[in-house]
Amino acid sequence: MQIKIYQVDAFAEEIFTGNPAAVCPLPLDWLPEETIQSIAKENNLYDRYKYNKILS
């Protein structure tokens, strides 16, 4: 499985400040929580949040 990962600086007004966060755009179906935790662990991130694209 391949998932695009974008690392962003959350809560920051300047680059390389704030909290690092990995953003993984997902299809409408969520990944299993175990997979999401593995992505966070692999990227040395403390927490994880999920979103999906809303189709209009």
N, C-alpha and C. Protein backbone atom coordinates (compact mmCIF):
# COMPACT_ATOMS: atom_id res chain seq x y z
N MET A 1 0.84 -1.17 0.00
CA MET A 1 0.00 0.00 0.00
C MET A 1 0.89 1.24 0.00
N GLN A 2 0.56 2.21 -0.82
CA GLN A 2 1.28 3.47 -0.84
C GLN A 2 0.34 4.60 -0.42
N ILE A 3 0.81 5.40 0.51
CA ILE A 3 0.02 6.53 1.01
C ILE A 3 0.92 7.76 0.95
N LYS A 4 0.43 8.83 0.35
CA LYS A 4 1.18 10.08 0.34
C LYS A 4 1.18 10.68 1.74
N ILE A 5 2.34 11.18 2.15
CA ILE A 5 2.47 11.81 3.46
C ILE A 5 3.08 13.20 3.25
N TYR A 6 2.43 14.20 3.81
CA TYR A 6 2.94 15.57 3.79
C TYR A 6 3.24 15.97 5.22
N GLN A 7 4.45 16.42 5.49
CA GLN A 7 4.78 16.88 6.84
C GLN A 7 4.65 18.39 6.87
N VAL A 8 3.88 18.88 7.84
CA VAL A 8 3.63 20.31 7.96
C VAL A 8 4.00 20.77 9.37
N ASP A 9 4.17 22.08 9.52
CA ASP A 9 4.40 22.68 10.83
C ASP A 9 3.07 23.21 11.34
N ALA A 10 2.46 22.50 12.25
CA ALA A 10 1.17 22.92 12.80
C ALA A 10 1.38 24.01 13.85
N PHE A 11 0.44 24.91 13.96
CA PHE A 11 0.47 26.00 14.93
C PHE A 11 1.71 26.87 14.75
N ALA A 12 2.10 27.12 13.50
CA ALA A 12 3.32 27.90 13.24
C ALA A 12 3.05 28.99 12.22
N GLU A 13 3.74 30.08 12.38
CA GLU A 13 3.67 31.16 11.41
C GLU A 13 4.93 31.21 10.56
N GLU A 14 5.97 30.47 10.96
CA GLU A 14 7.22 30.42 10.22
C GLU A 14 7.62 28.97 10.01
N ILE A 15 8.38 28.73 8.95
CA ILE A 15 8.86 27.38 8.65
C ILE A 15 9.81 26.89 9.75
N PHE A 16 9.75 25.61 10.02
CA PHE A 16 10.59 24.93 11.02
C PHE A 16 10.28 25.35 12.45
N THR A 17 9.08 25.84 12.68
CA THR A 17 8.63 26.13 14.05
C THR A 17 7.30 25.40 14.24
N GLY A 18 6.78 25.42 15.42
CA GLY A 18 5.50 24.76 15.66
C GLY A 18 5.66 23.27 15.89
N ASN A 19 4.58 22.55 15.77
CA ASN A 19 4.57 21.10 15.99
C ASN A 19 4.54 20.38 14.66
N PRO A 20 5.44 19.40 14.45
CA PRO A 20 5.40 18.66 13.20
C PRO A 20 4.15 17.78 13.14
N ALA A 21 3.55 17.73 11.99
CA ALA A 21 2.37 16.89 11.79
C ALA A 21 2.44 16.26 10.41
N ALA A 22 2.09 15.00 10.33
CA ALA A 22 2.01 14.31 9.04
C ALA A 22 0.56 14.32 8.59
N VAL A 23 0.34 14.75 7.37
CA VAL A 23 -1.00 14.78 6.79
C VAL A 23 -1.05 13.73 5.69
N CYS A 24 -2.00 12.82 5.82
CA CYS A 24 -2.15 11.73 4.85
C CYS A 24 -3.56 11.80 4.27
N PRO A 25 -3.71 12.35 3.06
CA PRO A 25 -5.04 12.36 2.44
C PRO A 25 -5.49 10.92 2.19
N LEU A 26 -6.67 10.60 2.68
CA LEU A 26 -7.19 9.24 2.57
C LEU A 26 -8.46 9.21 1.73
N PRO A 27 -8.79 8.05 1.19
CA PRO A 27 -10.08 7.92 0.51
C PRO A 27 -11.21 8.00 1.54
N LEU A 28 -12.42 7.85 1.11
CA LEU A 28 -13.55 7.98 2.03
C LEU A 28 -13.54 6.94 3.14
N ASP A 29 -12.91 5.80 2.91
CA ASP A 29 -12.82 4.77 3.96
C ASP A 29 -11.56 5.01 4.78
N TRP A 30 -11.71 4.97 6.11
CA TRP A 30 -10.55 5.15 6.99
C TRP A 30 -9.65 3.93 6.94
N LEU A 31 -8.39 4.15 7.23
CA LEU A 31 -7.47 3.04 7.44
C LEU A 31 -7.71 2.50 8.84
N PRO A 32 -7.34 1.25 9.08
CA PRO A 32 -7.46 0.72 10.44
C PRO A 32 -6.62 1.56 11.41
N GLU A 33 -7.10 1.72 12.63
CA GLU A 33 -6.39 2.52 13.64
C GLU A 33 -4.96 2.03 13.84
N GLU A 34 -4.74 0.74 13.76
CA GLU A 34 -3.39 0.16 13.90
C GLU A 34 -2.45 0.71 12.82
N THR A 35 -2.95 0.83 11.59
CA THR A 35 -2.13 1.37 10.49
C THR A 35 -1.83 2.84 10.71
N ILE A 36 -2.80 3.60 11.16
CA ILE A 36 -2.61 5.02 11.41
C ILE A 36 -1.58 5.23 12.52
N GLN A 37 -1.65 4.42 13.57
CA GLN A 37 -0.67 4.51 14.65
C GLN A 37 0.72 4.16 14.14
N SER A 38 0.82 3.19 13.24
CA SER A 38 2.12 2.82 12.67
C SER A 38 2.71 3.96 11.85
N ILE A 39 1.87 4.67 11.10
CA ILE A 39 2.35 5.82 10.32
C ILE A 39 2.90 6.89 11.27
N ALA A 40 2.18 7.18 12.34
CA ALA A 40 2.64 8.18 13.31
C ALA A 40 3.95 7.75 13.94
N LYS A 41 4.04 6.48 14.33
CA LYS A 41 5.27 5.97 14.97
C LYS A 41 6.45 6.03 14.00
N GLU A 42 6.24 5.62 12.77
CA GLU A 42 7.32 5.60 11.78
C GLU A 42 7.86 7.00 11.51
N ASN A 43 7.01 8.01 11.64
CA ASN A 43 7.42 9.39 11.39
C ASN A 43 7.75 10.14 12.67
N ASN A 44 7.89 9.40 13.78
CA ASN A 44 8.24 9.99 15.08
C ASN A 44 7.28 11.11 15.47
N LEU A 45 6.00 10.87 15.29
CA LEU A 45 4.99 11.85 15.65
C LEU A 45 4.19 11.34 16.84
N TYR A 46 3.84 12.25 17.73
CA TYR A 46 3.16 11.87 18.96
C TYR A 46 1.70 11.51 18.73
N ASP A 47 1.02 12.29 17.94
CA ASP A 47 -0.42 12.13 17.81
C ASP A 47 -0.79 12.02 16.35
N ARG A 48 -2.02 11.64 16.08
CA ARG A 48 -2.48 11.53 14.70
C ARG A 48 -3.93 11.99 14.63
N TYR A 49 -4.25 12.59 13.49
CA TYR A 49 -5.59 13.06 13.21
C TYR A 49 -5.97 12.59 11.82
N LYS A 50 -7.24 12.42 11.60
CA LYS A 50 -7.69 11.91 10.31
C LYS A 50 -8.66 12.88 9.67
N TYR A 51 -8.63 12.92 8.37
CA TYR A 51 -9.65 13.65 7.62
C TYR A 51 -9.85 12.95 6.30
N ASN A 52 -10.97 13.19 5.69
CA ASN A 52 -11.18 12.69 4.33
C ASN A 52 -11.80 13.80 3.50
N LYS A 53 -11.62 13.70 2.23
CA LYS A 53 -12.13 14.72 1.32
C LYS A 53 -13.65 14.58 1.21
N ILE A 54 -14.34 15.68 1.35
CA ILE A 54 -15.79 15.69 1.21
C ILE A 54 -16.11 16.02 -0.24
N LEU A 55 -16.85 15.15 -0.86
CA LEU A 55 -17.22 15.35 -2.27
C LEU A 55 -18.52 16.14 -2.34
N SER A 56 -18.57 17.15 -3.19
CA SER A 56 -19.81 17.95 -3.30
C SER A 56 -20.50 17.67 -4.61
